Protein backbone atom coordinates (compact mmCIF):
# COMPACT_ATOMS: atom_id res chain seq x y z
CA MET A 1 50.28 50.18 55.91
CA LYS A 2 50.13 50.67 59.65
CA THR A 3 48.11 47.45 60.06
CA THR A 4 50.66 45.50 58.00
CA ASN A 5 53.53 46.74 60.17
CA ILE A 6 51.66 45.67 63.29
CA LEU A 7 51.07 42.17 61.89
CA ILE A 8 54.74 41.80 60.93
CA THR A 9 55.77 42.87 64.42
CA ILE A 10 53.42 40.35 66.00
CA VAL A 11 54.80 37.53 63.81
CA ILE A 12 58.38 38.42 64.71
CA VAL A 13 57.55 38.53 68.42
CA LEU A 14 55.82 35.13 68.18
CA LEU A 15 58.81 33.61 66.36
CA VAL A 16 61.20 34.93 69.00
CA LEU A 17 59.01 33.61 71.80
CA SER A 18 58.67 30.22 70.00
CA THR A 19 62.44 29.93 69.54
CA TRP A 20 63.08 30.84 73.18
CA TRP A 21 60.47 28.38 74.43
CA THR A 22 61.86 25.56 72.24
CA TYR A 23 65.37 26.24 73.54
CA TYR A 24 64.07 26.25 77.11
CA LEU A 25 62.27 22.92 76.67
CA LEU A 26 65.24 21.28 75.02
CA SER A 27 67.74 22.47 77.60
CA ASN A 28 65.54 21.44 80.52
CA SER A 29 63.87 18.22 79.37
CA TRP A 30 66.15 16.50 76.83
CA SER A 31 69.01 16.50 79.29
CA ASN A 32 66.98 14.06 81.39
CA LEU A 33 66.31 11.67 78.48
CA SER A 34 68.35 8.60 77.61
CA LYS A 35 69.98 8.22 74.20
CA ASP A 36 67.38 5.63 73.14
CA GLU A 37 64.52 7.96 74.13
CA ILE A 38 66.06 10.82 72.14
CA LYS A 39 66.53 8.54 69.12
CA SER A 40 62.90 7.45 69.36
CA LEU A 41 61.65 11.05 69.48
CA VAL A 42 63.83 12.06 66.54
CA LYS A 43 62.66 9.00 64.54
CA GLU A 44 59.01 9.88 65.19
CA ALA A 45 59.60 13.47 64.15
CA VAL A 46 61.35 12.43 60.93
CA LEU A 47 58.61 9.92 60.06
CA ASP A 48 55.94 12.55 60.70
CA ILE A 49 57.69 14.80 58.19
CA GLU A 50 57.86 11.95 55.62
CA TYR A 51 54.19 11.06 56.21
CA THR A 52 53.21 14.69 55.64
CA LYS A 53 55.05 14.80 52.30
CA VAL A 54 52.89 12.01 50.85
CA TRP A 55 49.63 12.81 52.62
CA TRP A 56 50.13 10.59 55.64
CA LYS A 57 50.95 7.08 56.74
CA ASP A 58 48.92 4.83 54.40
CA ASN A 59 50.39 6.42 51.28
CA PHE A 60 53.87 6.25 52.81
CA LYS A 61 53.50 2.46 53.29
CA LYS A 62 52.32 1.94 49.71
CA ILE A 63 55.20 3.96 48.30
CA ASN A 64 57.68 2.10 50.52
CA LYS A 65 56.37 -1.26 49.27
CA LEU A 66 56.77 -0.16 45.64
CA GLN A 67 60.30 1.06 46.33
CA ILE A 68 61.27 -2.31 47.86
CA ALA A 69 59.89 -4.11 44.78
CA GLN A 70 61.93 -1.82 42.51
CA ILE A 71 65.09 -2.49 44.55
CA ASN A 72 64.56 -6.26 44.32
CA LYS A 73 64.05 -5.98 40.57
CA ALA A 74 67.26 -3.98 40.23
CA LEU A 75 69.17 -6.58 42.27
CA TRP A 76 68.00 -9.35 39.97
CA GLN A 77 69.07 -7.36 36.91
CA VAL A 78 72.56 -6.98 38.39
CA ASN A 79 72.79 -10.66 39.36
CA ASN A 80 71.86 -11.79 35.87
CA GLN A 81 74.31 -9.50 34.09
CA GLN A 82 76.95 -12.24 34.08
CA TRP A 83 74.95 -14.72 32.04
CA GLN A 84 73.72 -11.94 29.78
CA ASN A 85 77.35 -11.08 29.00
CA ASN A 86 77.93 -14.70 27.90
CA TYR A 87 74.83 -14.61 25.75
CA LYS A 88 76.08 -13.56 22.31
CA PRO A 89 73.74 -12.61 19.44
CA THR A 90 74.93 -13.50 15.94
CA VAL A 91 74.38 -11.56 12.70
CA ASN A 92 71.06 -13.30 12.10
CA ASN A 93 69.89 -12.30 15.61
CA LYS A 94 69.79 -15.92 16.78
CA PRO A 95 71.39 -16.11 20.23
CA THR A 96 74.35 -18.41 20.85
CA VAL A 97 76.27 -19.31 23.97
CA ASN A 98 80.00 -19.56 24.55
CA ASN A 99 80.65 -23.32 24.35
CA GLN A 100 84.12 -23.25 25.89
CA ALA A 101 83.09 -25.18 29.00
CA ASN A 102 85.32 -26.48 31.73
CA TRP A 103 83.53 -29.71 32.58
CA ASN A 104 83.18 -30.45 36.28
CA THR A 105 82.77 -33.99 37.60
CA ILE A 106 81.05 -35.57 40.60
CA SER A 107 81.15 -39.19 41.73
CA GLN A 108 78.37 -41.76 41.40
CA ALA A 109 77.93 -41.59 45.17
CA GLN A 110 77.36 -37.83 44.92
CA ILE A 111 74.93 -38.30 42.04
CA LYS A 112 72.97 -40.79 44.14
CA GLU A 113 72.84 -38.34 47.03
CA VAL A 114 71.78 -35.41 44.81
CA LYS A 115 68.95 -37.46 43.29
CA LYS A 116 67.77 -38.87 46.60
CA TRP A 117 64.15 -37.91 47.40
CA THR A 118 63.74 -36.09 44.09
CA TYR A 119 60.73 -36.09 41.78
CA VAL A 120 61.91 -37.01 38.30
CA LEU A 121 59.92 -35.87 35.28
CA TRP A 122 60.16 -38.19 32.26
CA ASN A 123 62.56 -41.13 32.04
CA PRO A 124 64.19 -41.76 35.47
CA ASP A 125 67.01 -43.69 33.75
CA ALA A 126 67.85 -40.93 31.25
CA GLU A 127 71.52 -40.31 30.53
CA ILE A 128 71.15 -36.55 31.18
CA SER A 129 69.39 -34.84 34.07
CA PHE A 130 68.34 -31.19 33.86
CA ILE A 131 68.31 -30.13 37.54
CA GLU A 132 66.82 -26.74 38.30
CA TYR A 133 67.49 -25.15 41.71
CA SER A 134 64.64 -22.70 41.85
CA ASP A 135 62.63 -20.15 43.82
CA LEU A 136 58.89 -19.98 43.21
CA GLU A 137 59.01 -16.17 43.58
CA CYS A 138 62.01 -15.72 41.24
CA PRO A 139 61.07 -13.71 38.12
CA PHE A 140 63.72 -15.40 35.96
CA CYS A 141 62.61 -18.86 37.10
CA LYS A 142 59.09 -17.86 36.09
CA ARG A 143 60.38 -16.72 32.71
CA LEU A 144 62.16 -20.06 32.13
CA HIS A 145 59.00 -22.05 32.87
CA GLN A 146 56.60 -19.76 31.02
CA ALA A 147 58.76 -19.90 27.88
CA GLY A 148 58.16 -23.66 27.58
CA THR A 149 61.91 -24.32 27.30
CA ILE A 150 61.95 -27.29 29.68
CA ASP A 151 58.97 -28.98 28.00
CA GLN A 152 60.63 -28.53 24.62
CA ILE A 153 63.87 -30.14 25.84
CA LEU A 154 62.05 -33.16 27.29
CA LYS A 155 60.05 -33.71 24.09
CA GLU A 156 62.95 -33.19 21.69
CA TYR A 157 65.30 -35.58 23.51
CA ASP A 158 62.54 -38.15 24.09
CA GLY A 159 63.86 -40.14 27.04
CA LYS A 160 67.50 -39.07 26.90
CA VAL A 161 66.90 -36.14 29.28
CA ASN A 162 64.83 -35.95 32.45
CA PHE A 163 63.98 -32.97 34.65
CA ILE A 164 64.32 -32.51 38.42
CA PHE A 165 63.01 -29.44 40.25
CA LYS A 166 64.77 -28.60 43.53
CA GLN A 167 63.78 -25.92 46.00
CA PHE A 168 65.95 -22.90 46.69
CA PRO A 169 63.77 -20.13 48.21
CA LEU A 170 65.76 -16.90 48.49
CA TYR A 171 65.69 -15.25 51.90
CA PHE A 172 64.41 -11.89 50.62
CA HIS A 173 61.37 -13.48 48.94
CA GLN A 174 59.02 -13.55 51.91
CA ASN A 175 56.60 -16.26 50.75
CA ALA A 176 59.03 -18.48 48.86
CA GLN A 177 59.97 -20.76 51.77
CA LYS A 178 56.35 -21.63 52.59
CA GLU A 179 55.50 -22.08 48.90
CA ALA A 180 58.41 -24.53 48.64
CA GLU A 181 57.21 -26.49 51.67
CA ALA A 182 53.69 -26.55 50.19
CA ALA A 183 55.09 -28.16 47.04
CA GLU A 184 56.71 -30.90 49.13
CA CYS A 185 53.42 -31.56 50.93
CA ILE A 186 51.60 -31.90 47.63
CA TRP A 187 54.15 -34.45 46.41
CA GLU A 188 53.85 -36.48 49.64
CA LEU A 189 50.07 -36.59 49.58
CA TRP A 190 49.23 -36.63 45.86
CA GLY A 191 52.36 -37.49 43.89
CA LYS A 192 54.58 -36.16 41.15
CA ASP A 193 51.93 -35.03 38.64
CA LYS A 194 50.16 -32.68 41.04
CA TYR A 195 53.56 -31.54 42.39
CA TYR A 196 54.61 -30.24 38.97
CA LYS A 197 51.14 -28.91 38.24
CA TYR A 198 51.34 -26.88 41.47
CA ILE A 199 54.78 -25.50 40.53
CA ASN A 200 53.67 -24.51 37.02
CA THR A 201 50.48 -22.88 38.36
CA VAL A 202 52.36 -20.78 40.94
CA PHE A 203 54.82 -19.61 38.28
CA LYS A 204 51.91 -18.75 35.99
CA ARG A 205 50.06 -16.67 38.59
CA THR A 206 52.75 -14.99 40.66
CA THR A 207 54.14 -11.63 39.61
CA SER A 208 57.28 -12.66 41.54
CA ASN A 209 59.68 -10.94 43.93
CA GLY A 210 58.46 -12.01 47.32
CA THR A 211 54.81 -11.76 48.28
CA TRP A 212 52.95 -11.52 44.99
CA PHE A 213 51.49 -15.02 45.34
CA PRO A 214 49.85 -14.64 48.77
CA ILE A 215 50.00 -17.50 51.27
CA THR A 216 46.22 -17.12 51.56
CA SER A 217 45.98 -18.22 47.90
CA LEU A 218 47.38 -21.67 48.73
CA LYS A 219 44.01 -22.95 49.94
CA PRO A 220 42.00 -22.12 46.79
CA LEU A 221 44.89 -23.43 44.67
CA ALA A 222 44.97 -26.71 46.61
CA ILE A 223 41.21 -27.12 46.16
CA GLU A 224 41.55 -26.28 42.45
CA LEU A 225 44.19 -29.01 42.08
CA GLY A 226 41.81 -31.48 43.72
CA VAL A 227 43.72 -32.04 46.95
CA ASP A 228 42.23 -32.50 50.40
CA TRP A 229 42.68 -29.14 52.13
CA ASP A 230 42.62 -30.52 55.67
CA LYS A 231 45.44 -32.99 54.96
CA PHE A 232 47.38 -30.36 53.03
CA GLU A 233 47.01 -27.77 55.80
CA SER A 234 48.04 -30.30 58.45
CA CYS A 235 51.21 -31.14 56.50
CA LEU A 236 52.01 -27.48 55.84
CA ASN A 237 51.56 -26.44 59.47
CA SER A 238 53.75 -29.30 60.71
CA TRP A 239 56.90 -27.68 59.21
CA LYS A 240 58.06 -31.22 58.36
CA TYR A 241 59.68 -30.15 55.08
CA THR A 242 61.47 -27.05 56.34
CA GLN A 243 64.75 -28.93 56.81
CA LYS A 244 64.50 -30.76 53.47
CA VAL A 245 64.23 -27.42 51.68
CA LYS A 246 67.21 -26.07 53.62
CA ASN A 247 69.23 -29.21 52.77
CA GLU A 248 68.64 -28.56 49.07
CA GLU A 249 69.86 -24.99 49.57
CA GLN A 250 73.10 -26.31 51.07
CA GLU A 251 73.45 -28.91 48.32
CA TRP A 252 73.40 -26.41 45.49
CA ALA A 253 76.06 -24.30 47.21
CA ASN A 254 78.32 -27.16 48.31
CA VAL A 255 78.11 -29.53 45.33
CA PHE A 256 77.43 -27.37 42.29
CA LYS A 257 78.51 -23.92 43.55
CA VAL A 258 75.34 -22.34 42.18
CA THR A 259 75.11 -18.65 43.07
CA TRP A 260 71.62 -17.56 41.97
CA THR A 261 68.29 -18.81 40.63
CA PRO A 262 67.40 -20.44 38.39
CA GLY A 263 70.54 -22.53 38.92
CA ASN A 264 70.32 -24.97 36.01
CA VAL A 265 72.66 -27.96 36.25
CA ILE A 266 73.05 -30.22 33.21
CA LEU A 267 74.39 -33.55 34.52
CA ASN A 268 75.57 -36.68 32.69
CA ASN A 269 74.45 -39.48 35.00
CA LYS A 270 76.92 -41.99 33.54
CA THR A 271 80.13 -39.96 33.54
CA GLY A 272 79.35 -37.52 36.35
CA LYS A 273 80.30 -34.57 34.15
CA TRP A 274 78.17 -31.46 34.62
CA VAL A 275 77.88 -27.81 33.68
CA ILE A 276 75.81 -24.88 34.96
CA LEU A 277 73.70 -22.45 32.95
CA PRO A 278 72.29 -20.00 35.54
CA GLY A 279 69.42 -17.94 34.17
CA ALA A 280 66.45 -18.03 31.80
CA TYR A 281 68.34 -19.17 28.68
CA PRO A 282 66.47 -20.16 25.51
CA TYR A 283 66.27 -23.70 24.13
CA GLY A 284 69.33 -23.39 21.89
CA ALA A 285 71.66 -22.61 24.80
CA PHE A 286 70.63 -25.73 26.72
CA LYS A 287 70.69 -27.90 23.59
CA SER A 288 74.33 -26.98 22.98
CA LYS A 289 75.36 -28.09 26.48
CA ILE A 290 73.24 -31.25 26.41
CA ASP A 291 74.66 -32.34 23.04
CA ASN A 292 78.20 -31.78 24.33
CA LEU A 293 77.52 -33.84 27.46
CA LEU A 294 75.92 -36.68 25.48
CA SER A 295 79.14 -37.01 23.50
CA LYS A 296 81.36 -37.16 26.59
């Protein structure tokens, strides 16, 4: 009992001395620090506490990366709520889309400008163009391509509809801009077929949302597609397609008022009438809009 009381007394004395010494240091040294220096010290102290909670820095970084991925996923769920609200299941569980469309119209001059320097899949003279403004790291763009919806449309309409893929890398998807520029380089050097093969392969392999298809994977993919790596690397490092990609970003906002990816524009090339279906809709939703535009 006596030993216990002595230990308690020692602990109390040490705490008092520690508190006094801390107060002394703060009152005599912090007063000489600038605001930025104080902020830096506080930040370091807070981070040290957070590192300790998860068994130090490496684990903290891993957890932080997972949290960012979860936030991005949540943002995409919110952004796609609008088209999900317009997506109405019927009693037989077959989805339908509200067909009350307000048709927009652009001029032939605008159509020519939109289709300038594009890579048309299927009949270039088709009455309808399916134009997708897309991000190679977008999970909903991936879903649209993996579902086979676009291929089904092109086969079913057999020359009446063509497809045009346009780049719109979102700023918070770290690798998307460079992946988009890589696609442009592949088209320049090896043509349309390898361009679309590259796009479909990236969508197949990425887990989406920013950095899940590493830039370092571009070289093995280029070699797999049968392209000359030295020429491809030279084109990619020249940044020659950076502005073209940015021009397509401006086009989708200024001409079609698209607000997120995939921004799917269904355009009648003869009348200039068009409608947007933003999101990973199924075949039936696009068919309804295409049939309506063909009758206009």
